Structures are given as C-alpha cells and as structure tokens.
PDB file of N, CA and C in Angstrom:
ATOM      1  N   MET A   1     212.626  33.490 -49.349  1.00  0.00           N
ATOM      2  CA  MET A   1     213.002  34.865 -49.167  1.00  0.00           C
ATOM      3  C   MET A   1     214.515  34.940 -48.990  1.00  0.00           C
ATOM      4  N   THR A   2     215.134  35.822 -49.725  1.00  0.00           N
ATOM      5  CA  THR A   2     216.542  36.099 -49.504  1.00  0.00           C
ATOM      6  C   THR A   2     216.642  37.373 -48.679  1.00  0.00           C
ATOM      7  N   VAL A   3     217.750  37.537 -48.019  1.00  0.00           N
ATOM      8  CA  VAL A   3     217.906  38.727 -47.186  1.00  0.00           C
ATOM      9  C   VAL A   3     217.953  39.971 -48.050  1.00  0.00           C
ATOM     10  N   LEU A   4     218.666  39.908 -49.156  1.00  0.00           N
ATOM     11  CA  LEU A   4     218.740  41.048 -50.068  1.00  0.00           C
ATOM     12  C   LEU A   4     217.949  40.721 -51.325  1.00  0.00           C
ATOM     13  N   ASP A   5     216.840  41.396 -51.516  1.00  0.00           N
ATOM     14  CA  ASP A   5     216.018  41.195 -52.704  1.00  0.00           C
ATOM     15  C   ASP A   5     216.449  42.177 -53.784  1.00  0.00           C
ATOM     16  N   HIS A   6     217.086  41.674 -54.818  1.00  0.00           N
ATOM     17  CA  HIS A   6     217.496  42.486 -55.967  1.00  0.00           C
ATOM     18  C   HIS A   6     218.250  43.741 -55.548  1.00  0.00           C
ATOM     19  N   PRO A   7     219.379  43.567 -54.883  1.00  0.00           N
ATOM     20  CA  PRO A   7     220.123  44.754 -54.452  1.00  0.00           C
ATOM     21  C   PRO A   7     220.757  45.474 -55.636  1.00  0.00           C
ATOM     22  N   ARG A   8     220.941  46.750 -55.464  1.00  0.00           N
ATOM     23  CA  ARG A   8     221.676  47.529 -56.460  1.00  0.00           C
ATOM     24  C   ARG A   8     223.152  47.321 -56.156  1.00  0.00           C
ATOM     25  N   GLU A   9     223.924  46.919 -57.139  1.00  0.00           N
ATOM     26  CA  GLU A   9     225.349  46.712 -56.928  1.00  0.00           C
ATOM     27  C   GLU A   9     226.121  47.972 -57.275  1.00  0.00           C
ATOM     28  N   VAL A  10     227.026  48.337 -56.381  1.00  0.00           N
ATOM     29  CA  VAL A  10     227.927  49.455 -56.642  1.00  0.00           C
ATOM     30  C   VAL A  10     229.332  49.037 -56.229  1.00  0.00           C
ATOM     31  N   SER A  11     230.304  49.508 -56.970  1.00  0.00           N
ATOM     32  CA  SER A  11     231.689  49.211 -56.619  1.00  0.00           C
ATOM     33  C   SER A  11     232.119  50.109 -55.465  1.00  0.00           C
ATOM     34  N   VAL A  12     233.193  49.730 -54.815  1.00  0.00           N
ATOM     35  CA  VAL A  12     233.740  50.559 -53.747  1.00  0.00           C
ATOM     36  C   VAL A  12     234.069  51.940 -54.300  1.00  0.00           C
ATOM     37  N   THR A  13     234.616  51.981 -55.510  1.00  0.00           N
ATOM     38  CA  THR A  13     234.958  53.261 -56.139  1.00  0.00           C
ATOM     39  C   THR A  13     233.720  54.124 -56.326  1.00  0.00           C
ATOM     40  N   GLU A  14     232.647  53.529 -56.863  1.00  0.00           N
ATOM     41  CA  GLU A  14     231.408  54.282 -57.066  1.00  0.00           C
ATOM     42  C   GLU A  14     230.821  54.736 -55.734  1.00  0.00           C
ATOM     43  N   ALA A  15     230.869  53.866 -54.729  1.00  0.00           N
ATOM     44  CA  ALA A  15     230.346  54.234 -53.410  1.00  0.00           C
ATOM     45  C   ALA A  15     231.128  55.411 -52.837  1.00  0.00           C
ATOM     46  N   THR A  16     232.433  55.397 -53.034  1.00  0.00           N
ATOM     47  CA  THR A  16     233.266  56.505 -52.561  1.00  0.00           C
ATOM     48  C   THR A  16     232.884  57.798 -53.261  1.00  0.00           C
ATOM     49  N   GLN A  17     232.660  57.712 -54.562  1.00  0.00           N
ATOM     50  CA  GLN A  17     232.281  58.901 -55.328  1.00  0.00           C
ATOM     51  C   GLN A  17     230.914  59.429 -54.906  1.00  0.00           C
ATOM     52  N   ARG A  18     229.995  58.528 -54.611  1.00  0.00           N
ATOM     53  CA  ARG A  18     228.645  58.946 -54.200  1.00  0.00           C
ATOM     54  C   ARG A  18     228.670  59.586 -52.815  1.00  0.00           C
ATOM     55  N   GLY A  19     229.588  59.159 -51.983  1.00  0.00           N
ATOM     56  CA  GLY A  19     229.668  59.693 -50.632  1.00  0.00           C
ATOM     57  C   GLY A  19     228.671  59.006 -49.710  1.00  0.00           C
ATOM     58  N   VAL A  20     228.892  59.194 -48.437  1.00  0.00           N
ATOM     59  CA  VAL A  20     228.039  58.543 -47.436  1.00  0.00           C
ATOM     60  C   VAL A  20     226.591  58.985 -47.582  1.00  0.00           C
ATOM     61  N   ALA A  21     226.352  60.279 -47.718  1.00  0.00           N
ATOM     62  CA  ALA A  21     224.974  60.781 -47.810  1.00  0.00           C
ATOM     63  C   ALA A  21     224.254  60.195 -49.016  1.00  0.00           C
ATOM     64  N   GLY A  22     224.942  60.107 -50.149  1.00  0.00           N
ATOM     65  CA  GLY A  22     224.317  59.559 -51.352  1.00  0.00           C
ATOM     66  C   GLY A  22     224.000  58.084 -51.220  1.00  0.00           C
ATOM     67  N   ILE A  23     224.931  57.325 -50.673  1.00  0.00           N
ATOM     68  CA  ILE A  23     224.721  55.886 -50.498  1.00  0.00           C
ATOM     69  C   ILE A  23     223.597  55.631 -49.499  1.00  0.00           C
ATOM     70  N   ILE A  24     223.575  56.380 -48.409  1.00  0.00           N
ATOM     71  CA  ILE A  24     222.515  56.217 -47.405  1.00  0.00           C
ATOM     72  C   ILE A  24     221.164  56.549 -48.013  1.00  0.00           C
ATOM     73  N   SER A  25     221.101  57.601 -48.784  1.00  0.00           N
ATOM     74  CA  SER A  25     219.851  57.980 -49.445  1.00  0.00           C
ATOM     75  C   SER A  25     219.367  56.861 -50.358  1.00  0.00           C
ATOM     76  N   ASP A  26     220.285  56.275 -51.121  1.00  0.00           N
ATOM     77  CA  ASP A  26     219.925  55.158 -51.999  1.00  0.00           C
ATOM     78  C   ASP A  26     219.458  53.945 -51.194  1.00  0.00           C
ATOM     79  N   ALA A  27     220.122  53.673 -50.078  1.00  0.00           N
ATOM     80  CA  ALA A  27     219.807  52.491 -49.270  1.00  0.00           C
ATOM     81  C   ALA A  27     218.438  52.585 -48.616  1.00  0.00           C
ATOM     82  N   GLU A  28     217.931  53.799 -48.434  1.00  0.00           N
ATOM     83  CA  GLU A  28     216.589  53.939 -47.863  1.00  0.00           C
ATOM     84  C   GLU A  28     215.535  53.372 -48.806  1.00  0.00           C
ATOM     85  N   ALA A  29     215.824  53.394 -50.103  1.00  0.00           N
ATOM     86  CA  ALA A  29     214.863  52.899 -51.091  1.00  0.00           C
ATOM     87  C   ALA A  29     215.179  51.482 -51.559  1.00  0.00           C
ATOM     88  N   ASN A  30     216.455  51.154 -51.691  1.00  0.00           N
ATOM     89  CA  ASN A  30     216.866  49.853 -52.222  1.00  0.00           C
ATOM     90  C   ASN A  30     218.097  49.348 -51.483  1.00  0.00           C
ATOM     91  N   ASP A  31     218.168  48.026 -51.334  1.00  0.00           N
ATOM     92  CA  ASP A  31     219.365  47.431 -50.754  1.00  0.00           C
ATOM     93  C   ASP A  31     220.539  47.697 -51.687  1.00  0.00           C
ATOM     94  N   ILE A  32     221.707  47.864 -51.108  1.00  0.00           N
ATOM     95  CA  ILE A  32     222.907  48.109 -51.900  1.00  0.00           C
ATOM     96  C   ILE A  32     223.937  47.046 -51.550  1.00  0.00           C
ATOM     97  N   LEU A  33     224.514  46.456 -52.572  1.00  0.00           N
ATOM     98  CA  LEU A  33     225.582  45.486 -52.412  1.00  0.00           C
ATOM     99  C   LEU A  33     226.853  46.140 -52.929  1.00  0.00           C
ATOM    100  N   VAL A  34     227.813  46.339 -52.048  1.00  0.00           N
ATOM    101  CA  VAL A  34     229.072  46.978 -52.431  1.00  0.00           C
ATOM    102  C   VAL A  34     230.052  45.879 -52.831  1.00  0.00           C
ATOM    103  N   THR A  35     230.676  46.069 -53.991  1.00  0.00           N
ATOM    104  CA  THR A  35     231.595  45.056 -54.504  1.00  0.00           C
ATOM    105  C   THR A  35     232.998  45.628 -54.674  1.00  0.00           C
ATOM    106  N   ARG A  36     233.955  44.736 -54.569  1.00  0.00           N
ATOM    107  CA  ARG A  36     235.351  45.056 -54.878  1.00  0.00           C
ATOM    108  C   ARG A  36     235.838  43.939 -55.791  1.00  0.00           C
ATOM    109  N   ARG A  37     236.310  44.322 -56.963  1.00  0.00           N
ATOM    110  CA  ARG A  37     236.740  43.350 -57.976  1.00  0.00           C
ATOM    111  C   ARG A  37     235.621  42.343 -58.260  1.00  0.00           C
ATOM    112  N   ASN A  38     234.415  42.860 -58.372  1.00  0.00           N
ATOM    113  CA  ASN A  38     233.208  42.080 -58.680  1.00  0.00           C
ATOM    114  C   ASN A  38     232.838  41.060 -57.607  1.00  0.00           C
ATOM    115  N   GLN A  39     233.394  41.191 -56.408  1.00  0.00           N
ATOM    116  CA  GLN A  39     233.048  40.306 -55.300  1.00  0.00           C
ATOM    117  C   GLN A  39     232.345  41.120 -54.216  1.00  0.00           C
ATOM    118  N   PRO A  40     231.216  40.630 -53.692  1.00  0.00           N
ATOM    119  CA  PRO A  40     230.515  41.356 -52.629  1.00  0.00           C
ATOM    120  C   PRO A  40     231.407  41.501 -51.396  1.00  0.00           C
ATOM    121  N   VAL A  41     231.469  42.718 -50.860  1.00  0.00           N
ATOM    122  CA  VAL A  41     232.260  42.958 -49.651  1.00  0.00           C
ATOM    123  C   VAL A  41     231.438  43.601 -48.538  1.00  0.00           C
ATOM    124  N   ALA A  42     230.296  44.182 -48.887  1.00  0.00           N
ATOM    125  CA  ALA A  42     229.460  44.825 -47.867  1.00  0.00           C
ATOM    126  C   ALA A  42     228.046  44.977 -48.402  1.00  0.00           C
ATOM    127  N   ALA A  43     227.111  45.105 -47.475  1.00  0.00           N
ATOM    128  CA  ALA A  43     225.720  45.371 -47.838  1.00  0.00           C
ATOM    129  C   ALA A  43     225.236  46.555 -47.012  1.00  0.00           C
ATOM    130  N   ILE A  44     224.477  47.408 -47.653  1.00  0.00           N
ATOM    131  CA  ILE A  44     223.880  48.550 -46.966  1.00  0.00           C
ATOM    132  C   ILE A  44     222.377  48.419 -47.145  1.00  0.00           C
ATOM    133  N   VAL A  45     221.675  48.332 -46.020  1.00  0.00           N
ATOM    134  CA  VAL A  45     220.228  48.138 -46.066  1.00  0.00           C
ATOM    135  C   VAL A  45     219.547  49.171 -45.176  1.00  0.00           C
ATOM    136  N   SER A  46     218.276  49.388 -45.426  1.00  0.00           N
ATOM    137  CA  SER A  46     217.518  50.353 -44.628  1.00  0.00           C
ATOM    138  C   SER A  46     217.234  49.791 -43.239  1.00  0.00           C
ATOM    139  N   ILE A  47     216.936  50.678 -42.323  1.00  0.00           N
ATOM    140  CA  ILE A  47     216.593  50.248 -40.973  1.00  0.00           C
ATOM    141  C   ILE A  47     215.287  49.452 -40.981  1.00  0.00           C
ATOM    142  N   GLN A  48     214.395  49.750 -41.924  1.00  0.00           N
ATOM    143  CA  GLN A  48     213.152  48.976 -42.025  1.00  0.00           C
ATOM    144  C   GLN A  48     213.464  47.512 -42.348  1.00  0.00           C
ATOM    145  N   ARG A  49     214.438  47.291 -43.223  1.00  0.00           N
ATOM    146  CA  ARG A  49     214.834  45.917 -43.574  1.00  0.00           C
ATOM    147  C   ARG A  49     215.397  45.219 -42.338  1.00  0.00           C
ATOM    148  N   ILE A  50     216.240  45.899 -41.592  1.00  0.00           N
ATOM    149  CA  ILE A  50     216.820  45.314 -40.380  1.00  0.00           C
ATOM    150  C   ILE A  50     215.719  44.947 -39.389  1.00  0.00           C
ATOM    151  N   ARG A  51     214.751  45.824 -39.218  1.00  0.00           N
ATOM    152  CA  ARG A  51     213.652  45.538 -38.280  1.00  0.00           C
ATOM    153  C   ARG A  51     212.831  44.338 -38.733  1.00  0.00           C
ATOM    154  N   ARG A  52     212.599  44.205 -40.043  1.00  0.00           N
ATOM    155  CA  ARG A  52     211.873  43.026 -40.552  1.00  0.00           C
ATOM    156  C   ARG A  52     212.676  41.758 -40.286  1.00  0.00           C
ATOM    157  N   ILE A  53     213.971  41.816 -40.524  1.00  0.00           N
ATOM    158  CA  ILE A  53     214.827  40.655 -40.280  1.00  0.00           C
ATOM    159  C   ILE A  53     214.797  40.286 -38.801  1.00  0.00           C
ATOM    160  N   GLU A  54     214.854  41.272 -37.928  1.00  0.00           N
ATOM    161  CA  GLU A  54     214.800  41.004 -36.486  1.00  0.00           C
ATOM    162  C   GLU A  54     213.481  40.356 -36.087  1.00  0.00           C
ATOM    163  N   ARG A  55     212.362  40.819 -36.676  1.00  0.00           N
ATOM    164  CA  ARG A  55     211.056  40.214 -36.358  1.00  0.00           C
ATOM    165  C   ARG A  55     211.014  38.759 -36.810  1.00  0.00           C
ATOM    166  N   VAL A  56     211.521  38.484 -38.004  1.00  0.00           N
ATOM    167  CA  VAL A  56     211.547  37.107 -38.501  1.00  0.00           C
ATOM    168  C   VAL A  56     212.437  36.252 -37.606  1.00  0.00           C
ATOM    169  N   LEU A  57     213.585  36.774 -37.218  1.00  0.00           N
ATOM    170  CA  LEU A  57     214.490  36.041 -36.342  1.00  0.00           C
ATOM    171  C   LEU A  57     213.821  35.729 -35.004  1.00  0.00           C
ATOM    172  N   ASP A  58     213.114  36.686 -34.437  1.00  0.00           N
ATOM    173  CA  ASP A  58     212.379  36.448 -33.190  1.00  0.00           C
ATOM    174  C   ASP A  58     211.339  35.350 -33.372  1.00  0.00           C
ATOM    175  N   ASP A  59     210.618  35.388 -34.496  1.00  0.00           N
ATOM    176  CA  ASP A  59     209.608  34.364 -34.766  1.00  0.00           C
ATOM    177  C   ASP A  59     210.247  32.985 -34.899  1.00  0.00           C
ATOM    178  N   VAL A  60     211.380  32.904 -35.581  1.00  0.00           N
ATOM    179  CA  VAL A  60     212.071  31.621 -35.751  1.00  0.00           C
ATOM    180  C   VAL A  60     212.548  31.095 -34.400  1.00  0.00           C
ATOM    181  N   ARG A  61     213.068  31.977 -33.566  1.00  0.00           N
ATOM    182  CA  ARG A  61     213.494  31.547 -32.223  1.00  0.00           C
ATOM    183  C   ARG A  61     212.314  31.006 -31.422  1.00  0.00           C
ATOM    184  N   ASP A  62     211.183  31.717 -31.467  1.00  0.00           N
ATOM    185  CA  ASP A  62     209.991  31.266 -30.744  1.00  0.00           C
ATOM    186  C   ASP A  62     209.523  29.915 -31.263  1.00  0.00           C
ATOM    187  N   LEU A  63     209.500  29.753 -32.580  1.00  0.00           N
ATOM    188  CA  LEU A  63     209.071  28.493 -33.179  1.00  0.00           C
ATOM    189  C   LEU A  63     210.018  27.362 -32.792  1.00  0.00           C
ATOM    190  N   THR A  64     211.306  27.629 -32.818  1.00  0.00           N
ATOM    191  CA  THR A  64     212.292  26.616 -32.440  1.00  0.00           C
ATOM    192  C   THR A  64     212.093  26.180 -30.995  1.00  0.00           C
ATOM    193  N   LEU A  65     211.873  27.140 -30.115  1.00  0.00           N
ATOM    194  CA  LEU A  65     211.637  26.822 -28.709  1.00  0.00           C
ATOM    195  C   LEU A  65     210.362  25.996 -28.546  1.00  0.00           C
ATOM    196  N   ALA A  66     209.299  26.386 -29.242  1.00  0.00           N
ATOM    197  CA  ALA A  66     208.038  25.641 -29.153  1.00  0.00           C
ATOM    198  C   ALA A  66     208.211  24.216 -29.667  1.00  0.00           C
ATOM    199  N   MET A  67     208.937  24.060 -30.765  1.00  0.00           N
ATOM    200  CA  MET A  67     209.155  22.720 -31.322  1.00  0.00           C
ATOM    201  C   MET A  67     210.004  21.869 -30.377  1.00  0.00           C
ATOM    202  N   ALA A  68     211.026  22.467 -29.773  1.00  0.00           N
ATOM    203  CA  ALA A  68     211.871  21.724 -28.832  1.00  0.00           C
ATOM    204  C   ALA A  68     211.062  21.294 -27.617  1.00  0.00           C
ATOM    205  N   ARG A  69     210.216  22.194 -27.139  1.00  0.00           N
ATOM    206  CA  ARG A  69     209.382  21.849 -25.983  1.00  0.00           C
ATOM    207  C   ARG A  69     208.387  20.746 -26.332  1.00  0.00           C
ATOM    208  N   ALA A  70     207.812  20.821 -27.525  1.00  0.00           N
ATOM    209  CA  ALA A  70     206.858  19.788 -27.940  1.00  0.00           C
ATOM    210  C   ALA A  70     207.559  18.438 -28.080  1.00  0.00           C
ATOM    211  N   ALA A  71     208.779  18.459 -28.594  1.00  0.00           N
ATOM    212  CA  ALA A  71     209.514  17.212 -28.808  1.00  0.00           C
ATOM    213  C   ALA A  71     209.951  16.561 -27.498  1.00  0.00           C
ATOM    214  N   THR A  72     210.154  17.353 -26.470  1.00  0.00           N
ATOM    215  CA  THR A  72     210.644  16.808 -25.198  1.00  0.00           C
ATOM    216  C   THR A  72     209.569  16.746 -24.118  1.00  0.00           C
ATOM    217  N   ASP A  73     208.335  17.077 -24.458  1.00  0.00           N
ATOM    218  CA  ASP A  73     207.248  17.096 -23.478  1.00  0.00           C
ATOM    219  C   ASP A  73     206.915  15.674 -23.036  1.00  0.00           C
ATOM    220  N   ASP A  74     207.013  15.433 -21.732  1.00  0.00           N
ATOM    221  CA  ASP A  74     206.674  14.105 -21.210  1.00  0.00           C
ATOM    222  C   ASP A  74     205.268  14.059 -20.623  1.00  0.00           C
ATOM    223  N   GLY A  75     204.547  15.167 -20.748  1.00  0.00           N
ATOM    224  CA  GLY A  75     203.174  15.214 -20.269  1.00  0.00           C
ATOM    225  C   GLY A  75     203.028  15.598 -18.808  1.00  0.00           C
ATOM    226  N   ALA A  76     204.125  15.635 -18.075  1.00  0.00           N
ATOM    227  CA  ALA A  76     204.056  15.988 -16.654  1.00  0.00           C
ATOM    228  C   ALA A  76     203.747  17.473 -16.507  1.00  0.00           C
ATOM    229  N   ARG A  77     202.870  17.775 -15.569  1.00  0.00           N
ATOM    230  CA  ARG A  77     202.501  19.164 -15.305  1.00  0.00           C
ATOM    231  C   ARG A  77     202.623  19.423 -13.809  1.00  0.00           C
ATOM    232  N   ILE A  78     202.966  20.647 -13.458  1.00  0.00           N
ATOM    233  CA  ILE A  78     203.090  21.042 -12.055  1.00  0.00           C
ATOM    234  C   ILE A  78     202.100  22.168 -11.811  1.00  0.00           C
ATOM    235  N   SER A  79     201.326  22.038 -10.756  1.00  0.00           N
ATOM    236  CA  SER A  79     200.335  23.066 -10.462  1.00  0.00           C
ATOM    237  C   SER A  79     201.017  24.311  -9.906  1.00  0.00           C
ATOM    238  N   PHE A  80     200.333  25.431 -10.026  1.00  0.00           N
ATOM    239  CA  PHE A  80     200.847  26.692  -9.506  1.00  0.00           C
ATOM    240  C   PHE A  80     201.064  26.601  -8.001  1.00  0.00           C
ATOM    241  N   ASP A  81     200.126  25.964  -7.317  1.00  0.00           N
ATOM    242  CA  ASP A  81     200.248  25.823  -5.863  1.00  0.00           C
ATOM    243  C   ASP A  81     201.475  24.992  -5.485  1.00  0.00           C
ATOM    244  N   ASP A  82     201.797  23.963  -6.284  1.00  0.00           N
ATOM    245  CA  ASP A  82     202.996  23.163  -6.013  1.00  0.00           C
ATOM    246  C   ASP A  82     204.269  23.987  -6.210  1.00  0.00           C
ATOM    247  N   VAL A  83     204.263  24.849  -7.218  1.00  0.00           N
ATOM    248  CA  VAL A  83     205.420  25.728  -7.444  1.00  0.00           C
ATOM    249  C   VAL A  83     205.577  26.681  -6.263  1.00  0.00           C
ATOM    250  N   LEU A  84     204.473  27.275  -5.832  1.00  0.00           N
ATOM    251  CA  LEU A  84     204.527  28.167  -4.668  1.00  0.00           C
ATOM    252  C   LEU A  84     205.059  27.428  -3.444  1.00  0.00           C
ATOM    253  N   ALA A  85     204.556  26.226  -3.221  1.00  0.00           N
ATOM    254  CA  ALA A  85     204.974  25.441  -2.057  1.00  0.00           C
ATOM    255  C   ALA A  85     206.473  25.132  -2.114  1.00  0.00           C
ATOM    256  N   ALA A  86     207.003  24.897  -3.308  1.00  0.00           N
ATOM    257  CA  ALA A  86     208.433  24.615  -3.449  1.00  0.00           C
ATOM    258  C   ALA A  86     209.280  25.797  -2.990  1.00  0.00           C
ATOM    259  N   TYR A  87     208.704  26.988  -3.047  1.00  0.00           N
ATOM    260  CA  TYR A  87     209.407  28.193  -2.598  1.00  0.00           C
ATOM    261  C   TYR A  87     208.917  28.673  -1.230  1.00  0.00           C
ATOM    262  N   GLY A  88     208.120  27.823  -0.582  1.00  0.00           N
ATOM    263  CA  GLY A  88     207.638  28.161   0.750  1.00  0.00           C
ATOM    264  C   GLY A  88     206.605  29.268   0.759  1.00  0.00           C
ATOM    265  N   LEU A  89     205.839  29.386  -0.310  1.00  0.00           N
ATOM    266  CA  LEU A  89     204.832  30.441  -0.430  1.00  0.00           C
ATOM    267  C   LEU A  89     203.445  29.850  -0.583  1.00  0.00           C
ATOM    268  N   THR A  90     202.454  30.710  -0.358  1.00  0.00           N
ATOM    269  CA  THR A  90     201.059  30.350  -0.601  1.00  0.00           C
ATOM    270  C   THR A  90     200.426  31.457  -1.422  1.00  0.00           C
ATOM    271  N   ARG A  91     199.226  31.218  -1.879  1.00  0.00           N
ATOM    272  CA  ARG A  91     198.504  32.258  -2.620  1.00  0.00           C
ATOM    273  C   ARG A  91     198.248  33.474  -1.727  1.00  0.00           C
ATOM    274  N   ALA A  92     198.047  33.227  -0.445  1.00  0.00           N
ATOM    275  CA  ALA A  92     197.833  34.329   0.501  1.00  0.00           C
ATOM    276  C   ALA A  92     199.077  35.220   0.571  1.00  0.00           C
ATOM    277  N   ASP A  93     200.253  34.595   0.488  1.00  0.00           N
ATOM    278  CA  ASP A  93     201.492  35.390   0.483  1.00  0.00           C
ATOM    279  C   ASP A  93     201.522  36.329  -0.720  1.00  0.00           C
ATOM    280  N   LEU A  94     201.028  35.879  -1.835  1.00  0.00           N
ATOM    281  CA  LEU A  94     201.005  36.716  -3.036  1.00  0.00           C
ATOM    282  C   LEU A  94     200.020  37.867  -2.889  1.00  0.00           C
ATOM    283  N   ASP A  95     198.923  37.614  -2.196  1.00  0.00           N
ATOM    284  CA  ASP A  95     197.933  38.677  -1.979  1.00  0.00           C
ATOM    285  C   ASP A  95     198.521  39.816  -1.151  1.00  0.00           C
ATOM    286  N   ASP A  96     199.511  39.494  -0.311  1.00  0.00           N
ATOM    287  CA  ASP A  96     200.128  40.505   0.548  1.00  0.00           C
ATOM    288  C   ASP A  96     201.139  41.382  -0.194  1.00  0.00           C
ATOM    289  N   VAL A  97     201.515  40.979  -1.388  1.00  0.00           N
ATOM    290  CA  VAL A  97     202.490  41.756  -2.161  1.00  0.00           C
ATOM    291  C   VAL A  97     201.781  42.944  -2.790  1.00  0.00           C
ATOM    292  N   GLU A  98     202.339  44.132  -2.562  1.00  0.00           N
ATOM    293  CA  GLU A  98     201.724  45.345  -3.113  1.00  0.00           C
ATOM    294  C   GLU A  98     202.112  45.510  -4.576  1.00  0.00           C
ATOM    295  N   ASP A  99     201.144  45.975  -5.354  1.00  0.00           N
ATOM    296  CA  ASP A  99     201.416  46.281  -6.754  1.00  0.00           C
ATOM    297  C   ASP A  99     202.248  47.545  -6.828  1.00  0.00           C
ATOM    298  N   GLU A 100     203.121  47.593  -7.834  1.00  0.00           N
ATOM    299  CA  GLU A 100     203.896  48.818  -8.037  1.00  0.00           C
ATOM    300  C   GLU A 100     202.988  49.887  -8.613  1.00  0.00           C
ATOM    301  N   PRO A 101     203.213  51.155  -8.228  1.00  0.00           N
ATOM    302  CA  PRO A 101     202.343  52.243  -8.728  1.00  0.00           C
ATOM    303  C   PRO A 101     202.499  52.454 -10.212  1.00  0.00           C
TER     304      PRO A 101
END
C-alpha cells in the first residue's frame, strides 16, 4: 500500500486557478499531488484518508510494542497482590475506593 493511491497531479498554477474550494472539493474524492516544475511539493488528501493512516499507524505501534515485549519476555510474572503489596495496599483497600458517578 502506498500512502497516495493514484493521485491526481496538478501544478501550483492550476491549483491557484482552481482555488481553495475547488481543490478541497477534488481532494474529497481523490488524492491530489501538487507539483512545481514537475516535482511534487505538496499533497492534499481527504480527512478519511488521514483517519485510515492514523488507524494503520496505531496498529503498527501496537504490533511493534507486542513484538518488543515478546522478544524481551523472560517469563517472570508478578501477581496482582504482589503489586498491591509493593505500594502498601491490599485488595480490601481497593474495595474501600468509591466508584466515580
């Protein structure tokens, strides 16, 4: 997958002529690659595309974290009660905490 799938290319001059409203309208349907002297200088994409990219990025971060944890796992486990004890708490102390409304 590439970030821009078959973008419509427009020159800076053409983008200026189309105006912001025209370019935004086009970007809602198709990615736009703005060029200057035939070199890409900007990309205009829909908010849906940005949200998809963010979801993929979140998934990659989660996968990376899971892989790092798996690679460094030494098998040691700590019980919940041991964690509580390290902070001077017990399960009874947790029962005394009121839930927020």
